[in-house]
Amino acid sequence: MRSDVIKQGPQQAPARAMLRAVGVTDDDFKIPWIGIVNTWTEGMPCNFHLRELAADLKVGAKEAGLHAFEFGAPAISDGISMGTIGMRASLISREVIADSIELIARGYLYDGMVALVACDKTNPGGMMGVIRADVPSLVLYGGSIAPGILRDKKQTVVSVFEAVGQYAAGKITEQELAEVERTAIPGPGACGGQYTANTMAMVLEVMGFSPVGYNAIPAIAPHKKAAGRKAMHILAEAIRENRTPKSFLTRQSFVNAIAAVAATGGSTNAVLHLLAIAREAGVKLELDDFDTISRKTPVIADMRPWGTYTAWELWEAGGIPLIIRRLIEGEMIDGSQMTITGKTLWEEVKDAAETPGQQVVVPREKAFKPEGGLRILKGSLAPEGAVLKLAGTERKQFRGPARVFDGEQKAMKAVLAKEIKPGDVVVIRYEGPKGAPGMPEMLSVTSALVGEGLGPDVALVTDGRFSGGTKGLMIGHVAPEAQVGGPIALVEEGDLISIDCDAGRLELEVSPEVLEARRAKWKAPEPHYKSGLFARYAKLVSSAKYGAVLEQPE
């Protein structure tokens, strides 16, 4: 066992003495040791219940012949920090979580790892960390929140963001806004649609990081804990077989994941995260792969934000196993890929249950949309690419004058002041990986536009990114970003911007000569942070084209 370096031999008597002080017994020194990284926090509902789940994981570990040590890693709430400078911390936390897992796994020489995750960046951070740890590992998702109920209508956190726009437009009263605020989020769990957390939870099962069927179980469902204890037996077997993530991850694993995201109208954040995870796994994955796969993958799940149903209702219908089964049966993904259990994906889902009469997930021949939810756009405004969630919009072509804002807060003020009109293309820049830094999400702005009724009639283009809850013609990840002098930095008020989703084009209708003249006058703004973590991140982070990873691509 790898952990024997720490716990065996006369020379390790000092280490054993210290370990006895924290409750390690003679018998514990004879069995494999695992680390449980817990992203618990009291700061938000998504991860609020993870301490309870971790307690049952430790019970399950003991039952499976493992000794578990729990430790913490940070979690930033996108929903709480949204629209503020706190949102700059979100994507940066993905790297810190991965670093934390790697650091503990190497520092304590554990034989296996479990990453207990829930909110948006903890999922990919956990995946990146256990790949680096290179020991048998699980990434377990804490589960979705229950939908809130207001006047017999199901709500999610996006309902609150959109209500802000409705209030600003005079469509609802302050009292009605307060009612939505008080009822939308009833307890623990991650945001309840096919937003980023649930999108990546599905990816975890599709790629084999999580036991199939575990992640869809909601946060407060009583059998979540029992499923966690069972998962520890899966980890124990993986340790005996030395089944590490790198041993079963292939390029096809990532192709499967992209198809699953496209088929469920999942979050555009999956693009950033899968590119970053592939780099950790040593798998070649490019931005164009997302467009190619999505164009041939129909949408088979009617999920919010583009559709009807919440994550809780997906679980009631049959959960992620049902989605995977339908994807394999429809020849949209390859069921021969291996998982942490040592079984293939098809072996795990061939008997997946389906609730009679459910309408959340359909076979390929009854698909809700003929093409998947992701589209990659390129052109004079985004030479390195930009990302659109097509499942959230019915409009595929758009042309209009630019309304330019250096930063999200300025754009939000204009939206709430009703200064944005139908036909406008809202440009929000200097919010990229380096510029913000940390590439903040823009759900506050996009939801306010939708809430005001402008969703179908405006477009938004940014070098930042969007929440999984975003819908409408919202284009993010524009690269190169403004901070490094990308074309988005040269856009001026009133410039015409054209968007063609079918052709995959995002064009700034300004002559090259004019752009060169503007470039000669352009100067990069001073960075927001000149020391500490945020400054280091801004200096090291790569383009969104590469997943905003810290190691510069060759």
Protein backbone atom coordinates (compact mmCIF):
# COMPACT_ATOMS: atom_id res chain seq x y z
CA MET A 1 0.00 0.00 0.00
CA ARG A 2 1.21 3.47 -0.85
CA SER A 3 0.31 4.64 2.65
CA ASP A 4 2.77 2.14 4.17
CA VAL A 5 5.51 4.68 3.51
CA ILE A 6 3.84 6.84 6.16
CA LYS A 7 2.64 4.21 8.63
CA GLN A 8 4.98 1.17 8.57
CA GLY A 9 8.49 0.50 9.85
CA PRO A 10 10.44 1.48 12.99
CA GLN A 11 11.45 4.80 11.46
CA GLN A 12 7.78 5.82 11.23
CA ALA A 13 7.16 5.50 14.98
CA PRO A 14 6.94 9.32 15.33
CA ALA A 15 4.32 9.46 12.58
CA ARG A 16 2.32 6.64 14.20
CA ALA A 17 2.52 8.40 17.55
CA MET A 18 0.95 11.49 16.06
CA LEU A 19 -1.69 9.46 14.26
CA ARG A 20 -2.65 7.60 17.46
CA ALA A 21 -3.41 11.01 18.95
CA VAL A 22 -6.17 11.50 16.35
CA GLY A 23 -7.74 8.10 16.94
CA VAL A 24 -5.87 5.73 14.62
CA THR A 25 -5.76 2.21 16.10
CA ASP A 26 -3.43 -0.75 15.63
CA ASP A 27 -5.89 -2.34 13.22
CA ASP A 28 -6.16 0.88 11.21
CA PHE A 29 -2.44 0.76 10.45
CA LYS A 30 -3.02 -2.51 8.56
CA ILE A 31 -5.63 -1.32 6.06
CA PRO A 32 -5.71 1.12 3.11
CA TRP A 33 -6.07 4.79 3.92
CA ILE A 34 -8.18 7.23 1.94
CA GLY A 35 -8.66 10.97 1.99
CA ILE A 36 -12.14 12.48 1.79
CA VAL A 37 -11.99 16.03 0.52
CA ASN A 38 -15.14 17.75 1.71
CA THR A 39 -16.16 21.01 0.05
CA TRP A 40 -18.69 21.68 2.82
CA THR A 41 -19.50 25.24 3.75
CA GLU A 42 -22.16 27.02 5.76
CA GLY A 43 -22.07 29.78 3.16
CA MET A 44 -24.57 28.33 0.70
CA PRO A 45 -27.23 25.61 0.32
CA CYS A 46 -25.41 23.65 -2.40
CA ASN A 47 -22.74 22.27 -0.05
CA PHE A 48 -24.42 22.88 3.29
CA HIS A 49 -25.33 19.20 3.88
CA LEU A 50 -22.01 17.65 2.90
CA ARG A 51 -20.81 17.11 6.47
CA GLU A 52 -23.72 14.72 7.02
CA LEU A 53 -22.91 12.86 3.80
CA ALA A 54 -19.23 12.69 4.76
CA ALA A 55 -20.11 11.06 8.09
CA ASP A 56 -21.84 8.23 6.25
CA LEU A 57 -18.96 7.92 3.80
CA LYS A 58 -16.65 7.31 6.75
CA VAL A 59 -19.00 4.66 8.10
CA GLY A 60 -19.06 3.04 4.66
CA ALA A 61 -15.28 3.22 4.43
CA LYS A 62 -14.91 1.35 7.71
CA GLU A 63 -17.39 -1.29 6.52
CA ALA A 64 -15.34 -1.69 3.32
CA GLY A 65 -12.06 -2.14 5.18
CA LEU A 66 -10.72 1.39 4.66
CA HIS A 67 -9.67 4.08 7.09
CA ALA A 68 -10.81 7.57 6.05
CA PHE A 69 -9.40 10.98 6.89
CA GLU A 70 -11.58 13.99 6.14
CA PHE A 71 -10.23 17.39 5.13
CA GLY A 72 -11.59 20.53 3.55
CA ALA A 73 -11.37 22.44 0.30
CA PRO A 74 -12.97 25.79 -0.57
CA ALA A 75 -16.29 26.31 -2.31
CA ILE A 76 -17.47 29.62 -3.79
CA SER A 77 -21.18 30.14 -4.38
CA ASP A 78 -21.87 31.41 -7.88
CA GLY A 79 -25.47 32.17 -6.96
CA ILE A 80 -24.51 34.36 -4.02
CA SER A 81 -21.52 36.11 -5.63
CA MET A 82 -23.30 36.60 -8.99
CA GLY A 83 -23.24 40.17 -10.25
CA THR A 84 -20.57 41.25 -7.75
CA ILE A 85 -16.77 41.29 -7.75
CA GLY A 86 -16.99 38.18 -5.54
CA MET A 87 -17.81 36.25 -8.72
CA ARG A 88 -14.19 36.65 -9.79
CA ALA A 89 -13.30 34.00 -7.22
CA SER A 90 -15.49 31.29 -8.72
CA LEU A 91 -13.42 29.91 -11.60
CA ILE A 92 -10.21 30.55 -9.69
CA SER A 93 -11.54 28.22 -6.98
CA ARG A 94 -11.55 25.34 -9.49
CA GLU A 95 -7.76 25.47 -9.55
CA VAL A 96 -7.47 25.86 -5.78
CA ILE A 97 -9.71 22.81 -5.20
CA ALA A 98 -7.66 20.72 -7.62
CA ASP A 99 -4.46 21.92 -5.96
CA SER A 100 -5.84 21.08 -2.51
CA ILE A 101 -6.69 17.49 -3.49
CA GLU A 102 -3.34 16.96 -5.16
CA LEU A 103 -1.49 18.45 -2.19
CA ILE A 104 -3.20 16.24 0.39
CA ALA A 105 -2.99 13.08 -1.69
CA ARG A 106 0.73 13.53 -2.19
CA GLY A 107 1.48 14.89 1.28
CA TYR A 108 -0.23 12.03 3.13
CA LEU A 109 0.35 9.31 0.51
CA TYR A 110 -3.22 8.07 0.67
CA ASP A 111 -4.17 4.88 -1.18
CA GLY A 112 -7.40 6.38 -2.51
CA MET A 113 -9.33 9.63 -2.64
CA VAL A 114 -12.94 10.76 -2.49
CA ALA A 115 -13.93 14.26 -3.54
CA LEU A 116 -17.30 15.20 -2.06
CA VAL A 117 -18.60 18.03 -4.22
CA ALA A 118 -21.78 19.96 -5.00
CA CYS A 119 -21.62 23.50 -6.38
CA ASP A 120 -20.40 24.47 -9.82
CA LYS A 121 -16.59 24.58 -9.62
CA THR A 122 -16.21 21.88 -6.98
CA ASN A 123 -17.24 19.23 -9.52
CA PRO A 124 -14.54 19.90 -12.14
CA GLY A 125 -12.05 20.87 -9.43
CA GLY A 126 -12.62 17.47 -7.84
CA MET A 127 -12.14 15.69 -11.16
CA MET A 128 -8.93 17.56 -11.93
CA GLY A 129 -7.59 16.92 -8.44
CA VAL A 130 -8.14 13.17 -8.37
CA ILE A 131 -6.61 12.80 -11.84
CA ARG A 132 -3.49 14.52 -10.55
CA ALA A 133 -3.51 12.40 -7.38
CA ASP A 134 -3.32 9.33 -9.65
CA VAL A 135 -4.77 6.93 -7.09
CA PRO A 136 -8.12 5.09 -7.20
CA SER A 137 -10.70 7.78 -6.60
CA LEU A 138 -14.36 8.73 -6.58
CA VAL A 139 -15.99 12.12 -7.13
CA LEU A 140 -19.38 12.14 -5.41
CA TYR A 141 -22.02 14.81 -6.01
CA GLY A 142 -24.05 16.02 -3.04
CA GLY A 143 -27.25 16.21 -5.06
CA SER A 144 -29.78 18.70 -6.34
CA ILE A 145 -32.05 20.88 -4.29
CA ALA A 146 -35.80 20.30 -4.21
CA PRO A 147 -37.77 22.74 -6.35
CA GLY A 148 -39.42 25.64 -4.58
CA ILE A 149 -43.18 25.94 -4.92
CA LEU A 150 -45.08 29.21 -5.35
CA ARG A 151 -48.76 29.06 -6.31
CA ASP A 152 -48.34 25.48 -7.52
CA LYS A 153 -45.45 26.42 -9.84
CA LYS A 154 -41.99 24.89 -9.43
CA GLN A 155 -39.15 27.36 -9.00
CA THR A 156 -35.35 27.36 -9.03
CA VAL A 157 -32.73 30.00 -8.28
CA VAL A 158 -33.09 31.27 -11.85
CA SER A 159 -36.68 32.19 -11.01
CA VAL A 160 -35.31 34.73 -8.53
CA PHE A 161 -32.83 36.25 -10.98
CA GLU A 162 -35.56 36.61 -13.60
CA ALA A 163 -37.91 38.11 -11.02
CA VAL A 164 -35.39 40.92 -10.52
CA GLY A 165 -35.79 41.82 -14.19
CA GLN A 166 -39.57 41.51 -13.96
CA TYR A 167 -39.57 43.89 -11.00
CA ALA A 168 -37.33 46.37 -12.82
CA ALA A 169 -39.72 46.28 -15.78
CA GLY A 170 -42.71 46.90 -13.52
CA LYS A 171 -44.21 43.48 -14.28
CA ILE A 172 -44.34 42.39 -10.64
CA THR A 173 -44.48 44.24 -7.35
CA GLU A 174 -41.83 44.34 -4.64
CA GLN A 175 -44.09 42.06 -2.58
CA GLU A 176 -44.22 39.50 -5.40
CA LEU A 177 -40.44 39.67 -5.77
CA ALA A 178 -40.13 38.96 -2.04
CA GLU A 179 -42.45 35.96 -2.38
CA VAL A 180 -40.23 34.46 -5.07
CA GLU A 181 -37.12 35.15 -2.98
CA ARG A 182 -38.59 33.41 0.08
CA THR A 183 -39.88 30.29 -1.68
CA ALA A 184 -37.52 29.48 -4.58
CA ILE A 185 -34.82 27.70 -2.57
CA PRO A 186 -36.35 25.50 0.14
CA GLY A 187 -33.28 23.79 1.60
CA PRO A 188 -29.92 22.09 0.95
CA GLY A 189 -28.71 21.04 -2.48
CA ALA A 190 -27.32 22.48 -5.68
CA CYS A 191 -29.39 24.60 -8.08
CA GLY A 192 -32.22 22.54 -9.44
CA GLY A 193 -32.08 22.56 -13.25
CA GLN A 194 -29.64 21.36 -15.87
CA TYR A 195 -27.40 24.19 -14.77
CA THR A 196 -23.64 23.83 -14.30
CA ALA A 197 -23.67 21.73 -11.12
CA ASN A 198 -26.14 19.15 -12.45
CA THR A 199 -24.55 19.21 -15.90
CA MET A 200 -21.18 18.30 -14.41
CA ALA A 201 -22.79 15.76 -12.06
CA MET A 202 -24.08 13.98 -15.15
CA VAL A 203 -20.64 14.21 -16.75
CA LEU A 204 -19.17 12.56 -13.64
CA GLU A 205 -21.33 9.48 -14.19
CA VAL A 206 -20.92 9.42 -17.97
CA MET A 207 -17.13 9.49 -17.62
CA GLY A 208 -17.02 6.93 -14.81
CA PHE A 209 -15.85 9.09 -11.91
CA SER A 210 -19.04 8.44 -9.91
CA PRO A 211 -21.08 5.26 -9.41
CA VAL A 212 -23.89 5.39 -11.96
CA GLY A 213 -27.11 6.43 -10.23
CA TYR A 214 -25.55 8.17 -7.23
CA ASN A 215 -25.39 11.77 -8.43
CA ALA A 216 -29.03 12.17 -9.45
CA ILE A 217 -30.25 11.29 -5.95
CA PRO A 218 -31.31 14.66 -4.49
CA ALA A 219 -29.55 16.17 -1.52
CA ILE A 220 -32.34 15.48 0.97
CA ALA A 221 -33.46 12.08 -0.37
CA PRO A 222 -33.18 9.55 2.50
CA HIS A 223 -31.29 6.91 0.49
CA LYS A 224 -28.50 9.31 -0.51
CA LYS A 225 -26.51 8.27 2.55
CA ALA A 226 -26.90 4.53 1.94
CA ALA A 227 -25.74 5.04 -1.65
CA GLY A 228 -22.66 6.79 -0.28
CA ARG A 229 -21.81 3.87 1.98
CA LYS A 230 -22.16 1.52 -0.99
CA ALA A 231 -19.82 3.74 -2.98
CA MET A 232 -17.07 3.11 -0.44
CA HIS A 233 -17.15 -0.59 -1.28
CA ILE A 234 -16.69 0.36 -4.94
CA LEU A 235 -13.66 2.43 -3.96
CA ALA A 236 -12.21 -0.42 -1.89
CA GLU A 237 -12.40 -2.72 -4.90
CA ALA A 238 -10.85 -0.06 -7.13
CA ILE A 239 -7.95 0.24 -4.67
CA ARG A 240 -7.42 -3.54 -4.75
CA GLU A 241 -7.39 -3.42 -8.57
CA ASN A 242 -5.42 -0.13 -8.72
CA ARG A 243 -8.15 1.33 -10.94
CA THR A 244 -7.22 5.01 -11.20
CA PRO A 245 -9.07 7.63 -13.27
CA LYS A 246 -6.30 7.67 -15.84
CA SER A 247 -6.68 3.90 -16.29
CA PHE A 248 -10.17 4.24 -17.76
CA LEU A 249 -10.36 7.78 -19.16
CA THR A 250 -10.02 7.91 -22.95
CA ARG A 251 -10.74 10.46 -25.63
CA GLN A 252 -14.03 8.63 -26.18
CA SER A 253 -14.90 9.26 -22.51
CA PHE A 254 -14.72 12.98 -23.26
CA VAL A 255 -16.64 12.62 -26.53
CA ASN A 256 -19.36 10.83 -24.54
CA ALA A 257 -19.42 13.65 -22.00
CA ILE A 258 -19.76 16.35 -24.67
CA ALA A 259 -22.63 14.46 -26.31
CA ALA A 260 -24.40 14.11 -22.96
CA VAL A 261 -24.10 17.85 -22.31
CA ALA A 262 -25.37 18.66 -25.80
CA ALA A 263 -28.27 16.19 -25.52
CA THR A 264 -29.55 17.70 -22.28
CA GLY A 265 -29.15 21.41 -23.05
CA GLY A 266 -26.42 21.53 -20.43
CA SER A 267 -24.26 24.41 -19.28
CA THR A 268 -21.69 26.12 -21.51
CA ASN A 269 -19.35 25.94 -18.51
CA ALA A 270 -18.90 22.28 -19.42
CA VAL A 271 -16.81 23.49 -22.37
CA LEU A 272 -14.27 25.19 -20.11
CA HIS A 273 -14.24 22.35 -17.63
CA LEU A 274 -13.94 19.44 -20.05
CA LEU A 275 -11.06 21.16 -21.85
CA ALA A 276 -9.29 21.60 -18.51
CA ILE A 277 -10.02 18.04 -17.32
CA ALA A 278 -8.81 16.59 -20.63
CA ARG A 279 -5.53 18.43 -20.21
CA GLU A 280 -5.06 16.86 -16.76
CA ALA A 281 -5.79 13.41 -18.23
CA GLY A 282 -3.40 13.89 -21.16
CA VAL A 283 -6.25 13.61 -23.67
CA LYS A 284 -6.36 15.82 -26.76
CA LEU A 285 -9.57 17.84 -26.84
CA GLU A 286 -10.24 21.03 -28.78
CA LEU A 287 -12.92 23.71 -28.84
CA ASP A 288 -14.12 22.63 -32.28
CA ASP A 289 -14.91 19.14 -30.94
CA PHE A 290 -17.84 20.58 -29.02
CA ASP A 291 -19.39 22.05 -32.15
CA THR A 292 -18.88 18.91 -34.24
CA ILE A 293 -20.39 16.61 -31.61
CA SER A 294 -23.27 18.92 -30.71
CA ARG A 295 -24.39 19.38 -34.32
CA LYS A 296 -25.01 15.63 -34.65
CA THR A 297 -26.52 15.07 -31.18
CA PRO A 298 -30.25 15.79 -30.71
CA VAL A 299 -31.69 17.13 -27.46
CA ILE A 300 -33.50 14.30 -25.64
CA ALA A 301 -34.07 15.80 -22.17
CA ASP A 302 -36.66 18.53 -21.50
CA MET A 303 -34.73 20.27 -18.73
CA ARG A 304 -34.62 23.79 -17.36
CA PRO A 305 -33.41 26.41 -18.14
CA TRP A 306 -34.43 25.92 -21.77
CA GLY A 307 -37.15 23.36 -21.04
CA THR A 308 -39.73 22.32 -18.49
CA TYR A 309 -38.40 20.04 -15.78
CA THR A 310 -36.13 20.33 -12.74
CA ALA A 311 -33.36 17.99 -11.64
CA TRP A 312 -35.66 16.56 -8.97
CA GLU A 313 -38.15 15.58 -11.66
CA LEU A 314 -35.36 13.99 -13.70
CA TRP A 315 -34.54 11.81 -10.69
CA GLU A 316 -38.19 10.84 -10.35
CA ALA A 317 -38.27 9.92 -14.05
CA GLY A 318 -35.25 7.62 -13.85
CA GLY A 319 -32.29 9.89 -13.27
CA ILE A 320 -28.96 10.07 -15.02
CA PRO A 321 -28.92 6.28 -15.70
CA LEU A 322 -32.00 6.74 -17.90
CA ILE A 323 -30.30 9.55 -19.84
CA ILE A 324 -27.19 7.42 -20.36
CA ARG A 325 -29.25 4.41 -21.46
CA ARG A 326 -31.12 6.50 -24.00
CA LEU A 327 -27.86 8.01 -25.28
CA ILE A 328 -26.36 4.56 -25.79
CA GLU A 329 -29.50 3.12 -27.36
CA GLY A 330 -29.64 6.09 -29.74
CA GLU A 331 -25.96 5.54 -30.67
CA MET A 332 -25.10 9.01 -29.41
CA ILE A 333 -22.40 7.78 -27.02
CA ASP A 334 -20.20 4.68 -26.78
CA GLY A 335 -21.37 2.32 -24.04
CA SER A 336 -18.16 0.25 -24.09
CA GLN A 337 -16.22 2.84 -22.11
CA MET A 338 -15.07 1.69 -18.67
CA THR A 339 -15.99 3.19 -15.31
CA ILE A 340 -14.56 3.20 -11.77
CA THR A 341 -16.46 -0.05 -11.05
CA GLY A 342 -14.58 -1.98 -13.71
CA LYS A 343 -17.79 -2.38 -15.69
CA THR A 344 -18.69 -0.70 -18.94
CA LEU A 345 -21.12 2.17 -19.10
CA TRP A 346 -23.68 -0.06 -20.83
CA GLU A 347 -23.37 -2.75 -18.16
CA GLU A 348 -24.13 -0.08 -15.57
CA VAL A 349 -27.27 1.29 -17.27
CA LYS A 350 -28.79 -1.51 -19.36
CA ASP A 351 -31.34 -2.21 -16.61
CA ALA A 352 -31.93 1.45 -15.72
CA ALA A 353 -35.45 1.97 -14.43
CA GLU A 354 -37.91 4.34 -16.10
CA THR A 355 -41.00 5.70 -14.39
CA PRO A 356 -44.06 4.89 -16.53
CA GLY A 357 -45.44 7.95 -18.27
CA GLN A 358 -42.45 10.20 -17.54
CA GLN A 359 -41.91 12.97 -20.09
CA VAL A 360 -38.49 14.27 -19.09
CA VAL A 361 -36.27 12.00 -21.23
CA VAL A 362 -37.26 10.67 -24.65
CA PRO A 363 -35.73 8.30 -27.23
CA ARG A 364 -33.70 9.76 -30.09
CA GLU A 365 -36.54 9.36 -32.57
CA LYS A 366 -38.72 11.64 -30.42
CA ALA A 367 -36.02 14.26 -29.73
CA PHE A 368 -37.09 17.74 -28.66
CA LYS A 369 -34.53 19.41 -30.94
CA PRO A 370 -32.57 17.98 -33.89
CA GLU A 371 -29.23 19.41 -32.78
CA GLY A 372 -27.51 19.66 -29.43
CA GLY A 373 -27.35 22.65 -27.15
CA LEU A 374 -23.78 23.83 -27.80
CA ARG A 375 -22.43 25.92 -30.65
CA ILE A 376 -18.93 27.28 -31.23
CA LEU A 377 -18.78 30.58 -33.13
CA LYS A 378 -15.73 32.13 -34.79
CA GLY A 379 -15.12 35.23 -36.87
CA SER A 380 -13.59 38.68 -36.77
CA LEU A 381 -14.94 39.32 -33.25
CA ALA A 382 -13.79 35.95 -31.90
CA PRO A 383 -10.84 34.57 -33.90
CA GLU A 384 -10.13 31.92 -31.25
CA GLY A 385 -13.79 31.08 -30.74
CA ALA A 386 -16.81 31.81 -28.58
CA VAL A 387 -19.49 29.59 -27.02
CA LEU A 388 -23.29 29.73 -27.27
CA LYS A 389 -25.92 27.51 -25.65
CA LEU A 390 -28.24 27.02 -28.59
CA ALA A 391 -30.80 25.04 -26.58
CA GLY A 392 -31.80 28.21 -24.78
CA THR A 393 -32.72 30.22 -27.88
CA GLU A 394 -34.87 29.76 -30.94
CA ARG A 395 -33.19 32.65 -32.75
CA LYS A 396 -30.15 31.66 -34.79
CA GLN A 397 -29.37 34.86 -36.69
CA PHE A 398 -29.01 38.37 -35.28
CA ARG A 399 -27.57 41.68 -36.41
CA GLY A 400 -27.57 44.88 -34.43
CA PRO A 401 -25.65 47.83 -32.99
CA ALA A 402 -23.20 47.28 -30.16
CA ARG A 403 -23.93 48.65 -26.69
CA VAL A 404 -20.50 48.53 -25.08
CA PHE A 405 -19.77 48.16 -21.36
CA ASP A 406 -16.41 47.77 -19.68
CA GLY A 407 -17.54 45.43 -16.93
CA GLU A 408 -20.71 43.64 -15.88
CA GLN A 409 -21.81 46.12 -13.21
CA LYS A 410 -22.08 48.94 -15.77
CA ALA A 411 -24.13 46.73 -18.05
CA MET A 412 -26.45 45.71 -15.21
CA LYS A 413 -27.15 49.36 -14.36
CA ALA A 414 -28.09 50.01 -17.98
CA VAL A 415 -30.39 46.98 -18.07
CA LEU A 416 -32.20 47.92 -14.86
CA ALA A 417 -32.51 51.52 -16.12
CA LYS A 418 -34.22 50.16 -19.26
CA GLU A 419 -31.52 51.61 -21.51
CA ILE A 420 -31.24 48.41 -23.56
CA LYS A 421 -33.65 48.26 -26.48
CA PRO A 422 -34.82 45.49 -28.83
CA GLY A 423 -32.24 44.86 -31.52
CA ASP A 424 -29.23 45.80 -29.36
CA VAL A 425 -26.12 43.65 -29.02
CA VAL A 426 -24.87 44.11 -25.45
CA VAL A 427 -21.07 43.79 -25.31
CA ILE A 428 -19.54 43.20 -21.88
CA ARG A 429 -15.75 43.09 -21.91
CA TYR A 430 -12.70 42.98 -19.64
CA GLU A 431 -14.38 40.08 -17.84
CA GLY A 432 -12.18 37.31 -19.29
CA PRO A 433 -9.82 34.90 -17.51
CA LYS A 434 -7.09 37.56 -17.22
CA GLY A 435 -9.20 40.69 -17.32
CA ALA A 436 -11.57 40.22 -14.40
CA PRO A 437 -9.65 38.03 -13.51
CA GLY A 438 -11.52 34.75 -13.22
CA MET A 439 -14.06 35.09 -16.06
CA PRO A 440 -17.21 35.85 -14.03
CA GLU A 441 -20.64 34.51 -14.94
CA MET A 442 -23.32 36.94 -16.14
CA LEU A 443 -26.57 35.39 -14.90
CA SER A 444 -27.67 38.62 -13.23
CA VAL A 445 -27.58 40.51 -16.53
CA THR A 446 -28.99 37.75 -18.73
CA SER A 447 -31.81 36.92 -16.32
CA ALA A 448 -32.70 40.59 -15.94
CA LEU A 449 -32.95 40.90 -19.73
CA VAL A 450 -35.16 37.81 -19.89
CA GLY A 451 -37.24 39.04 -16.96
CA GLU A 452 -37.82 42.38 -18.69
CA GLY A 453 -39.08 40.51 -21.75
CA LEU A 454 -36.06 41.34 -23.94
CA GLY A 455 -34.70 37.79 -24.10
CA PRO A 456 -35.71 37.05 -27.71
CA ASP A 457 -34.95 40.57 -28.94
CA VAL A 458 -31.38 41.26 -27.81
CA ALA A 459 -28.05 39.48 -27.97
CA LEU A 460 -25.21 39.56 -25.46
CA VAL A 461 -21.54 39.03 -26.26
CA THR A 462 -18.82 38.80 -23.60
CA ASP A 463 -15.34 37.54 -22.89
CA GLY A 464 -16.75 36.41 -19.56
CA ARG A 465 -19.01 33.39 -19.21
CA PHE A 466 -22.55 32.42 -18.36
CA SER A 467 -24.30 30.47 -15.66
CA GLY A 468 -25.84 27.16 -16.61
CA GLY A 469 -29.13 28.91 -15.91
CA THR A 470 -28.71 31.31 -18.82
CA LYS A 471 -31.07 31.24 -21.79
CA GLY A 472 -31.37 33.45 -24.85
CA LEU A 473 -28.87 34.52 -27.52
CA MET A 474 -26.01 34.88 -25.05
CA ILE A 475 -22.47 34.36 -26.38
CA GLY A 476 -19.56 33.94 -23.96
CA HIS A 477 -15.91 32.86 -23.81
CA VAL A 478 -15.02 35.32 -26.61
CA ALA A 479 -11.32 34.83 -27.30
CA PRO A 480 -8.88 36.45 -27.42
CA GLU A 481 -10.25 38.44 -24.51
CA ALA A 482 -10.21 42.22 -24.22
CA GLN A 483 -7.42 42.34 -21.62
CA VAL A 484 -4.92 40.94 -24.14
CA GLY A 485 -6.14 43.15 -26.97
CA GLY A 486 -8.61 40.81 -28.63
CA PRO A 487 -11.01 42.36 -31.16
CA ILE A 488 -13.70 42.70 -28.49
CA ALA A 489 -11.49 45.41 -26.91
CA LEU A 490 -11.80 47.47 -30.11
CA VAL A 491 -15.60 47.49 -30.40
CA GLU A 492 -17.18 50.94 -30.17
CA GLU A 493 -20.73 52.00 -29.41
CA GLY A 494 -22.95 51.54 -32.45
CA ASP A 495 -20.67 49.13 -34.37
CA LEU A 496 -22.71 46.50 -36.16
CA ILE A 497 -22.27 42.93 -34.93
CA SER A 498 -23.69 39.95 -36.82
CA ILE A 499 -24.34 36.47 -35.45
CA ASP A 500 -25.06 33.37 -37.52
CA CYS A 501 -25.40 30.23 -35.42
CA ASP A 502 -25.90 27.89 -38.37
CA ALA A 503 -22.75 29.15 -40.09
CA GLY A 504 -20.91 29.39 -36.77
CA ARG A 505 -19.96 33.03 -37.30
CA LEU A 506 -19.55 36.03 -34.98
CA GLU A 507 -18.52 39.09 -36.98
CA LEU A 508 -17.65 42.69 -36.13
CA GLU A 509 -18.66 44.68 -39.22
CA VAL A 510 -15.80 47.15 -39.09
CA SER A 511 -13.08 47.35 -41.73
CA PRO A 512 -9.60 46.00 -40.91
CA GLU A 513 -8.16 49.47 -41.52
CA VAL A 514 -10.42 51.05 -38.91
CA LEU A 515 -9.65 48.29 -36.44
CA GLU A 516 -5.91 48.77 -36.93
CA ALA A 517 -6.27 52.48 -36.27
CA ARG A 518 -8.19 51.72 -33.07
CA ARG A 519 -5.59 49.13 -32.05
CA ALA A 520 -2.81 51.68 -32.35
CA LYS A 521 -4.58 53.78 -29.71
CA TRP A 522 -5.62 50.90 -27.44
CA LYS A 523 -3.88 50.31 -24.13
CA ALA A 524 -4.55 47.47 -21.71
CA PRO A 525 -6.14 48.62 -18.45
CA GLU A 526 -4.28 48.23 -15.20
CA PRO A 527 -4.96 44.86 -13.54
CA HIS A 528 -7.47 44.85 -10.68
CA TYR A 529 -5.07 42.92 -8.43
CA LYS A 530 -1.31 43.39 -8.21
CA SER A 531 -0.47 40.84 -5.53
CA GLY A 532 -1.79 37.62 -4.07
CA LEU A 533 -3.73 34.74 -5.60
CA PHE A 534 -5.78 36.80 -8.04
CA ALA A 535 -2.68 38.51 -9.46
CA ARG A 536 -0.85 35.18 -9.85
CA TYR A 537 -3.90 33.67 -11.56
CA ALA A 538 -4.15 36.57 -14.02
CA LYS A 539 -0.51 36.18 -14.99
CA LEU A 540 -0.67 32.40 -15.46
CA VAL A 541 -4.13 31.69 -16.88
CA SER A 542 -4.53 30.75 -20.53
CA SER A 543 -7.23 31.66 -23.03
CA ALA A 544 -10.77 30.32 -22.70
CA LYS A 545 -9.95 28.49 -25.93
CA TYR A 546 -7.89 26.09 -23.80
CA GLY A 547 -10.25 25.91 -20.82
CA ALA A 548 -8.66 28.76 -18.84
CA VAL A 549 -6.02 26.41 -17.46
CA LEU A 550 -2.95 27.67 -15.61
CA GLU A 551 -0.39 25.73 -17.61
CA GLN A 552 0.13 27.50 -20.92
CA PRO A 553 -0.63 25.17 -23.87
CA GLU A 554 2.31 24.35 -26.11
